[in-house]
PDB file of N, CA and C in Angstrom:
ATOM      1  N   MET A   1     -15.330  36.663  78.914  1.00  0.00           N
ATOM      2  CA  MET A   1     -15.796  35.465  79.583  1.00  0.00           C
ATOM      3  C   MET A   1     -14.665  34.444  79.581  1.00  0.00           C
ATOM      4  N   SER A   2     -14.508  33.719  80.682  1.00  0.00           N
ATOM      5  CA  SER A   2     -13.433  32.743  80.776  1.00  0.00           C
ATOM      6  C   SER A   2     -13.845  31.424  80.135  1.00  0.00           C
ATOM      7  N   ILE A   3     -12.840  30.590  79.893  1.00  0.00           N
ATOM      8  CA  ILE A   3     -13.119  29.305  79.272  1.00  0.00           C
ATOM      9  C   ILE A   3     -13.747  28.342  80.275  1.00  0.00           C
ATOM     10  N   CYS A   4     -14.320  27.298  79.757  1.00  0.00           N
ATOM     11  CA  CYS A   4     -14.894  26.237  80.567  1.00  0.00           C
ATOM     12  C   CYS A   4     -13.789  25.214  80.825  1.00  0.00           C
ATOM     13  N   THR A   5     -13.559  24.900  82.078  1.00  0.00           N
ATOM     14  CA  THR A   5     -12.542  23.914  82.438  1.00  0.00           C
ATOM     15  C   THR A   5     -13.186  22.537  82.604  1.00  0.00           C
ATOM     16  N   LEU A   6     -12.352  21.506  82.645  1.00  0.00           N
ATOM     17  CA  LEU A   6     -12.872  20.158  82.872  1.00  0.00           C
ATOM     18  C   LEU A   6     -13.576  20.080  84.222  1.00  0.00           C
ATOM     19  N   GLU A   7     -13.034  20.758  85.215  1.00  0.00           N
ATOM     20  CA  GLU A   7     -13.650  20.741  86.541  1.00  0.00           C
ATOM     21  C   GLU A   7     -15.043  21.377  86.509  1.00  0.00           C
ATOM     22  N   GLU A   8     -15.175  22.500  85.801  1.00  0.00           N
ATOM     23  CA  GLU A   8     -16.478  23.167  85.699  1.00  0.00           C
ATOM     24  C   GLU A   8     -17.463  22.311  84.914  1.00  0.00           C
ATOM     25  N   LEU A   9     -16.976  21.686  83.836  1.00  0.00           N
ATOM     26  CA  LEU A   9     -17.849  20.815  83.053  1.00  0.00           C
ATOM     27  C   LEU A   9     -18.290  19.615  83.890  1.00  0.00           C
ATOM     28  N   THR A  10     -17.368  19.050  84.660  1.00  0.00           N
ATOM     29  CA  THR A  10     -17.711  17.916  85.514  1.00  0.00           C
ATOM     30  C   THR A  10     -18.787  18.310  86.516  1.00  0.00           C
ATOM     31  N   GLU A  11     -18.697  19.520  87.043  1.00  0.00           N
ATOM     32  CA  GLU A  11     -19.726  20.019  87.963  1.00  0.00           C
ATOM     33  C   GLU A  11     -21.087  20.061  87.269  1.00  0.00           C
ATOM     34  N   LEU A  12     -21.112  20.555  86.020  1.00  0.00           N
ATOM     35  CA  LEU A  12     -22.373  20.588  85.265  1.00  0.00           C
ATOM     36  C   LEU A  12     -22.879  19.181  84.981  1.00  0.00           C
ATOM     37  N   LEU A  13     -21.961  18.263  84.684  1.00  0.00           N
ATOM     38  CA  LEU A  13     -22.367  16.877  84.434  1.00  0.00           C
ATOM     39  C   LEU A  13     -23.003  16.282  85.687  1.00  0.00           C
ATOM     40  N   ARG A  14     -22.404  16.544  86.846  1.00  0.00           N
ATOM     41  CA  ARG A  14     -22.961  16.051  88.112  1.00  0.00           C
ATOM     42  C   ARG A  14     -24.353  16.638  88.359  1.00  0.00           C
ATOM     43  N   GLU A  15     -24.494  17.938  88.117  1.00  0.00           N
ATOM     44  CA  GLU A  15     -25.793  18.594  88.318  1.00  0.00           C
ATOM     45  C   GLU A  15     -26.845  18.000  87.391  1.00  0.00           C
ATOM     46  N   THR A  16     -26.450  17.692  86.167  1.00  0.00           N
ATOM     47  CA  THR A  16     -27.382  17.146  85.183  1.00  0.00           C
ATOM     48  C   THR A  16     -27.812  15.739  85.556  1.00  0.00           C
ATOM     49  N   LEU A  17     -26.873  14.924  86.008  1.00  0.00           N
ATOM     50  CA  LEU A  17     -27.175  13.527  86.328  1.00  0.00           C
ATOM     51  C   LEU A  17     -27.820  13.343  87.688  1.00  0.00           C
ATOM     52  N   GLY A  18     -27.645  14.305  88.576  1.00  0.00           N
ATOM     53  CA  GLY A  18     -28.178  14.157  89.922  1.00  0.00           C
ATOM     54  C   GLY A  18     -27.297  13.254  90.761  1.00  0.00           C
ATOM     55  N   ASP A  19     -27.887  12.577  91.703  1.00  0.00           N
ATOM     56  CA  ASP A  19     -27.135  11.770  92.660  1.00  0.00           C
ATOM     57  C   ASP A  19     -27.092  10.296  92.282  1.00  0.00           C
ATOM     58  N   ASP A  20     -26.740   9.991  91.061  1.00  0.00           N
ATOM     59  CA  ASP A  20     -26.628   8.601  90.627  1.00  0.00           C
ATOM     60  C   ASP A  20     -25.279   8.054  91.082  1.00  0.00           C
ATOM     61  N   GLU A  21     -25.301   7.197  92.092  1.00  0.00           N
ATOM     62  CA  GLU A  21     -24.068   6.689  92.676  1.00  0.00           C
ATOM     63  C   GLU A  21     -23.366   5.674  91.779  1.00  0.00           C
ATOM     64  N   GLU A  22     -24.040   5.187  90.744  1.00  0.00           N
ATOM     65  CA  GLU A  22     -23.422   4.240  89.828  1.00  0.00           C
ATOM     66  C   GLU A  22     -22.503   4.938  88.831  1.00  0.00           C
ATOM     67  N   ILE A  23     -22.634   6.242  88.684  1.00  0.00           N
ATOM     68  CA  ILE A  23     -21.838   7.001  87.728  1.00  0.00           C
ATOM     69  C   ILE A  23     -20.639   7.603  88.447  1.00  0.00           C
ATOM     70  N   ASN A  24     -19.445   7.312  87.955  1.00  0.00           N
ATOM     71  CA  ASN A  24     -18.222   7.825  88.556  1.00  0.00           C
ATOM     72  C   ASN A  24     -17.670   8.950  87.681  1.00  0.00           C
ATOM     73  N   LEU A  25     -17.728  10.167  88.190  1.00  0.00           N
ATOM     74  CA  LEU A  25     -17.206  11.318  87.456  1.00  0.00           C
ATOM     75  C   LEU A  25     -15.891  11.812  88.047  1.00  0.00           C
ATOM     76  N   ASP A  26     -15.269  10.976  88.873  1.00  0.00           N
ATOM     77  CA  ASP A  26     -13.986  11.342  89.452  1.00  0.00           C
ATOM     78  C   ASP A  26     -12.864  10.988  88.473  1.00  0.00           C
ATOM     79  N   GLY A  27     -11.741  11.671  88.626  1.00  0.00           N
ATOM     80  CA  GLY A  27     -10.594  11.394  87.766  1.00  0.00           C
ATOM     81  C   GLY A  27     -10.699  12.090  86.427  1.00  0.00           C
ATOM     82  N   ASP A  28      -9.889  11.650  85.497  1.00  0.00           N
ATOM     83  CA  ASP A  28      -9.864  12.261  84.165  1.00  0.00           C
ATOM     84  C   ASP A  28     -10.893  11.575  83.270  1.00  0.00           C
ATOM     85  N   ILE A  29     -12.036  12.219  83.120  1.00  0.00           N
ATOM     86  CA  ILE A  29     -13.126  11.664  82.312  1.00  0.00           C
ATOM     87  C   ILE A  29     -13.152  12.271  80.917  1.00  0.00           C
ATOM     88  N   ARG A  30     -12.125  13.023  80.590  1.00  0.00           N
ATOM     89  CA  ARG A  30     -12.075  13.781  79.342  1.00  0.00           C
ATOM     90  C   ARG A  30     -12.477  12.953  78.113  1.00  0.00           C
ATOM     91  N   ASP A  31     -11.981  11.721  78.023  1.00  0.00           N
ATOM     92  CA  ASP A  31     -12.216  10.918  76.818  1.00  0.00           C
ATOM     93  C   ASP A  31     -13.202   9.773  77.016  1.00  0.00           C
ATOM     94  N   VAL A  32     -13.916   9.786  78.121  1.00  0.00           N
ATOM     95  CA  VAL A  32     -14.932   8.765  78.373  1.00  0.00           C
ATOM     96  C   VAL A  32     -16.204   9.166  77.634  1.00  0.00           C
ATOM     97  N   PRO A  33     -16.763   8.260  76.829  1.00  0.00           N
ATOM     98  CA  PRO A  33     -18.002   8.610  76.122  1.00  0.00           C
ATOM     99  C   PRO A  33     -19.097   9.054  77.095  1.00  0.00           C
ATOM    100  N   LEU A  34     -19.798  10.115  76.720  1.00  0.00           N
ATOM    101  CA  LEU A  34     -20.893  10.608  77.557  1.00  0.00           C
ATOM    102  C   LEU A  34     -21.931   9.510  77.801  1.00  0.00           C
ATOM    103  N   SER A  35     -22.123   8.638  76.823  1.00  0.00           N
ATOM    104  CA  SER A  35     -23.085   7.544  77.004  1.00  0.00           C
ATOM    105  C   SER A  35     -22.665   6.627  78.151  1.00  0.00           C
ATOM    106  N   GLU A  36     -21.364   6.413  78.332  1.00  0.00           N
ATOM    107  CA  GLU A  36     -20.874   5.592  79.440  1.00  0.00           C
ATOM    108  C   GLU A  36     -20.996   6.321  80.777  1.00  0.00           C
ATOM    109  N   LEU A  37     -21.107   7.642  80.716  1.00  0.00           N
ATOM    110  CA  LEU A  37     -21.278   8.440  81.929  1.00  0.00           C
ATOM    111  C   LEU A  37     -22.749   8.600  82.293  1.00  0.00           C
ATOM    112  N   GLY A  38     -23.637   7.970  81.522  1.00  0.00           N
ATOM    113  CA  GLY A  38     -25.055   8.001  81.846  1.00  0.00           C
ATOM    114  C   GLY A  38     -25.864   9.021  81.069  1.00  0.00           C
ATOM    115  N   PHE A  39     -25.283   9.601  80.027  1.00  0.00           N
ATOM    116  CA  PHE A  39     -25.981  10.632  79.270  1.00  0.00           C
ATOM    117  C   PHE A  39     -26.722  10.038  78.080  1.00  0.00           C
ATOM    118  N   ASP A  40     -28.041  10.170  78.137  1.00  0.00           N
ATOM    119  CA  ASP A  40     -28.870   9.841  76.986  1.00  0.00           C
ATOM    120  C   ASP A  40     -29.238  11.156  76.299  1.00  0.00           C
ATOM    121  N   SER A  41     -30.112  11.106  75.332  1.00  0.00           N
ATOM    122  CA  SER A  41     -30.482  12.315  74.583  1.00  0.00           C
ATOM    123  C   SER A  41     -31.086  13.394  75.477  1.00  0.00           C
ATOM    124  N   LEU A  42     -31.933  12.994  76.407  1.00  0.00           N
ATOM    125  CA  LEU A  42     -32.567  13.962  77.305  1.00  0.00           C
ATOM    126  C   LEU A  42     -31.525  14.618  78.204  1.00  0.00           C
ATOM    127  N   ALA A  43     -30.610  13.839  78.744  1.00  0.00           N
ATOM    128  CA  ALA A  43     -29.562  14.392  79.612  1.00  0.00           C
ATOM    129  C   ALA A  43     -28.670  15.352  78.824  1.00  0.00           C
ATOM    130  N   LYS A  44     -28.423  15.046  77.559  1.00  0.00           N
ATOM    131  CA  LYS A  44     -27.619  15.957  76.737  1.00  0.00           C
ATOM    132  C   LYS A  44     -28.342  17.280  76.521  1.00  0.00           C
ATOM    133  N   LEU A  45     -29.660  17.224  76.349  1.00  0.00           N
ATOM    134  CA  LEU A  45     -30.431  18.459  76.196  1.00  0.00           C
ATOM    135  C   LEU A  45     -30.394  19.276  77.483  1.00  0.00           C
ATOM    136  N   GLU A  46     -30.454  18.608  78.624  1.00  0.00           N
ATOM    137  CA  GLU A  46     -30.351  19.311  79.905  1.00  0.00           C
ATOM    138  C   GLU A  46     -28.970  19.933  80.066  1.00  0.00           C
ATOM    139  N   LEU A  47     -27.942  19.210  79.627  1.00  0.00           N
ATOM    140  CA  LEU A  47     -26.585  19.750  79.673  1.00  0.00           C
ATOM    141  C   LEU A  47     -26.479  20.986  78.779  1.00  0.00           C
ATOM    142  N   ALA A  48     -27.072  20.930  77.598  1.00  0.00           N
ATOM    143  CA  ALA A  48     -27.055  22.075  76.686  1.00  0.00           C
ATOM    144  C   ALA A  48     -27.706  23.293  77.341  1.00  0.00           C
ATOM    145  N   ALA A  49     -28.801  23.072  78.061  1.00  0.00           N
ATOM    146  CA  ALA A  49     -29.472  24.175  78.753  1.00  0.00           C
ATOM    147  C   ALA A  49     -28.569  24.743  79.848  1.00  0.00           C
ATOM    148  N   SER A  50     -27.860  23.880  80.554  1.00  0.00           N
ATOM    149  CA  SER A  50     -26.940  24.342  81.605  1.00  0.00           C
ATOM    150  C   SER A  50     -25.790  25.138  81.010  1.00  0.00           C
ATOM    151  N   LEU A  51     -25.278  24.687  79.875  1.00  0.00           N
ATOM    152  CA  LEU A  51     -24.185  25.409  79.213  1.00  0.00           C
ATOM    153  C   LEU A  51     -24.651  26.784  78.747  1.00  0.00           C
ATOM    154  N   ARG A  52     -25.882  26.846  78.259  1.00  0.00           N
ATOM    155  CA  ARG A  52     -26.433  28.141  77.836  1.00  0.00           C
ATOM    156  C   ARG A  52     -26.569  29.080  79.026  1.00  0.00           C
ATOM    157  N   HIS A  53     -27.075  28.543  80.121  1.00  0.00           N
ATOM    158  CA  HIS A  53     -27.280  29.360  81.321  1.00  0.00           C
ATOM    159  C   HIS A  53     -25.946  29.865  81.875  1.00  0.00           C
ATOM    160  N   ARG A  54     -24.967  28.982  81.977  1.00  0.00           N
ATOM    161  CA  ARG A  54     -23.706  29.357  82.625  1.00  0.00           C
ATOM    162  C   ARG A  54     -22.768  30.133  81.702  1.00  0.00           C
ATOM    163  N   TYR A  55     -22.699  29.742  80.417  1.00  0.00           N
ATOM    164  CA  TYR A  55     -21.702  30.336  79.526  1.00  0.00           C
ATOM    165  C   TYR A  55     -22.291  31.177  78.394  1.00  0.00           C
ATOM    166  N   GLY A  56     -23.603  31.172  78.259  1.00  0.00           N
ATOM    167  CA  GLY A  56     -24.229  31.978  77.226  1.00  0.00           C
ATOM    168  C   GLY A  56     -24.087  31.426  75.822  1.00  0.00           C
ATOM    169  N   VAL A  57     -23.743  30.142  75.699  1.00  0.00           N
ATOM    170  CA  VAL A  57     -23.614  29.534  74.374  1.00  0.00           C
ATOM    171  C   VAL A  57     -24.855  28.699  74.084  1.00  0.00           C
ATOM    172  N   ILE A  58     -25.324  28.820  72.872  1.00  0.00           N
ATOM    173  CA  ILE A  58     -26.491  28.051  72.446  1.00  0.00           C
ATOM    174  C   ILE A  58     -25.992  26.838  71.676  1.00  0.00           C
ATOM    175  N   VAL A  59     -26.333  25.655  72.182  1.00  0.00           N
ATOM    176  CA  VAL A  59     -25.902  24.413  71.549  1.00  0.00           C
ATOM    177  C   VAL A  59     -27.054  23.912  70.673  1.00  0.00           C
ATOM    178  N   PRO A  60     -26.912  24.040  69.350  1.00  0.00           N
ATOM    179  CA  PRO A  60     -27.977  23.566  68.468  1.00  0.00           C
ATOM    180  C   PRO A  60     -28.192  22.051  68.613  1.00  0.00           C
ATOM    181  N   ASP A  61     -29.420  21.603  68.354  1.00  0.00           N
ATOM    182  CA  ASP A  61     -29.741  20.180  68.476  1.00  0.00           C
ATOM    183  C   ASP A  61     -28.799  19.305  67.665  1.00  0.00           C
ATOM    184  N   GLY A  62     -28.474  19.729  66.457  1.00  0.00           N
ATOM    185  CA  GLY A  62     -27.578  18.948  65.611  1.00  0.00           C
ATOM    186  C   GLY A  62     -26.173  18.844  66.179  1.00  0.00           C
ATOM    187  N   VAL A  63     -25.762  19.855  66.907  1.00  0.00           N
ATOM    188  CA  VAL A  63     -24.416  19.856  67.494  1.00  0.00           C
ATOM    189  C   VAL A  63     -24.372  18.989  68.739  1.00  0.00           C
ATOM    190  N   ILE A  64     -25.397  19.038  69.552  1.00  0.00           N
ATOM    191  CA  ILE A  64     -25.373  18.300  70.819  1.00  0.00           C
ATOM    192  C   ILE A  64     -25.161  16.813  70.574  1.00  0.00           C
ATOM    193  N   GLU A  65     -25.669  16.298  69.496  1.00  0.00           N
ATOM    194  CA  GLU A  65     -25.496  14.871  69.194  1.00  0.00           C
ATOM    195  C   GLU A  65     -24.082  14.535  68.741  1.00  0.00           C
ATOM    196  N   THR A  66     -23.311  15.524  68.314  1.00  0.00           N
ATOM    197  CA  THR A  66     -21.931  15.274  67.878  1.00  0.00           C
ATOM    198  C   THR A  66     -20.939  15.359  69.033  1.00  0.00           C
ATOM    199  N   LEU A  67     -21.392  15.835  70.173  1.00  0.00           N
ATOM    200  CA  LEU A  67     -20.521  15.950  71.346  1.00  0.00           C
ATOM    201  C   LEU A  67     -20.559  14.613  72.077  1.00  0.00           C
ATOM    202  N   LEU A  68     -19.557  13.785  71.817  1.00  0.00           N
ATOM    203  CA  LEU A  68     -19.573  12.412  72.303  1.00  0.00           C
ATOM    204  C   LEU A  68     -18.829  12.206  73.610  1.00  0.00           C
ATOM    205  N   THR A  69     -17.911  13.124  73.943  1.00  0.00           N
ATOM    206  CA  THR A  69     -17.111  12.997  75.163  1.00  0.00           C
ATOM    207  C   THR A  69     -17.021  14.357  75.844  1.00  0.00           C
ATOM    208  N   PRO A  70     -16.599  14.391  77.096  1.00  0.00           N
ATOM    209  CA  PRO A  70     -16.356  15.688  77.718  1.00  0.00           C
ATOM    210  C   PRO A  70     -15.316  16.509  76.949  1.00  0.00           C
ATOM    211  N   ALA A  71     -14.310  15.858  76.362  1.00  0.00           N
ATOM    212  CA  ALA A  71     -13.303  16.590  75.573  1.00  0.00           C
ATOM    213  C   ALA A  71     -13.948  17.275  74.378  1.00  0.00           C
ATOM    214  N   ASP A  72     -14.830  16.569  73.674  1.00  0.00           N
ATOM    215  CA  ASP A  72     -15.565  17.176  72.547  1.00  0.00           C
ATOM    216  C   ASP A  72     -16.374  18.376  73.030  1.00  0.00           C
ATOM    217  N   THR A  73     -17.033  18.200  74.156  1.00  0.00           N
ATOM    218  CA  THR A  73     -17.882  19.251  74.710  1.00  0.00           C
ATOM    219  C   THR A  73     -17.061  20.474  75.091  1.00  0.00           C
ATOM    220  N   LEU A  74     -15.936  20.251  75.774  1.00  0.00           N
ATOM    221  CA  LEU A  74     -15.054  21.368  76.150  1.00  0.00           C
ATOM    222  C   LEU A  74     -14.550  22.116  74.926  1.00  0.00           C
ATOM    223  N   ALA A  75     -14.104  21.386  73.924  1.00  0.00           N
ATOM    224  CA  ALA A  75     -13.571  22.026  72.713  1.00  0.00           C
ATOM    225  C   ALA A  75     -14.644  22.875  72.043  1.00  0.00           C
ATOM    226  N   TRP A  76     -15.853  22.340  71.917  1.00  0.00           N
ATOM    227  CA  TRP A  76     -16.914  23.080  71.248  1.00  0.00           C
ATOM    228  C   TRP A  76     -17.314  24.311  72.059  1.00  0.00           C
ATOM    229  N   VAL A  77     -17.558  24.110  73.355  1.00  0.00           N
ATOM    230  CA  VAL A  77     -17.992  25.225  74.204  1.00  0.00           C
ATOM    231  C   VAL A  77     -16.943  26.332  74.218  1.00  0.00           C
ATOM    232  N   ASN A  78     -15.681  25.968  74.399  1.00  0.00           N
ATOM    233  CA  ASN A  78     -14.631  26.983  74.452  1.00  0.00           C
ATOM    234  C   ASN A  78     -14.439  27.676  73.107  1.00  0.00           C
ATOM    235  N   GLY A  79     -14.672  26.958  72.015  1.00  0.00           N
ATOM    236  CA  GLY A  79     -14.650  27.599  70.693  1.00  0.00           C
ATOM    237  C   GLY A  79     -15.756  28.630  70.559  1.00  0.00           C
ATOM    238  N   GLU A  80     -16.929  28.313  71.070  1.00  0.00           N
ATOM    239  CA  GLU A  80     -18.060  29.239  71.029  1.00  0.00           C
ATOM    240  C   GLU A  80     -17.826  30.437  71.954  1.00  0.00           C
ATOM    241  N   ILE A  81     -17.243  30.198  73.120  1.00  0.00           N
ATOM    242  CA  ILE A  81     -16.957  31.291  74.047  1.00  0.00           C
ATOM    243  C   ILE A  81     -15.985  32.262  73.392  1.00  0.00           C
ATOM    244  N   ALA A  82     -14.996  31.734  72.664  1.00  0.00           N
ATOM    245  CA  ALA A  82     -14.011  32.593  71.991  1.00  0.00           C
ATOM    246  C   ALA A  82     -14.680  33.445  70.914  1.00  0.00           C
ATOM    247  N   VAL A  83     -15.665  32.891  70.229  1.00  0.00           N
ATOM    248  CA  VAL A  83     -16.372  33.636  69.179  1.00  0.00           C
ATOM    249  C   VAL A  83     -17.202  34.766  69.798  1.00  0.00           C
ATOM    250  N   VAL A  84     -17.856  34.469  70.918  1.00  0.00           N
ATOM    251  CA  VAL A  84     -18.727  35.448  71.585  1.00  0.00           C
ATOM    252  C   VAL A  84     -17.907  36.579  72.208  1.00  0.00           C
ATOM    253  N   ALA A  85     -16.722  36.233  72.693  1.00  0.00           N
ATOM    254  CA  ALA A  85     -15.891  37.220  73.412  1.00  0.00           C
ATOM    255  C   ALA A  85     -15.363  38.306  72.543  1.00  0.00           C
TER     256      ALA A  85
END
């Protein structure tokens, strides 16, 4: 299985948030807090479900709360993909 790229993660973030025009996911959002991107606890759970569906990684509830930025999310997901592979 290939790694998750920032572009792929951004696509999942867009799918999770829907068409909220107030949220700007363009550019390098790697270090922008997910909370500033519009992610509350429910949105993070939806993101976890999307990551499971697309990459086969299960994000435990305790872990999802520690993923504060897209960079954190990429590092964790790609670490899990490497373990599964």
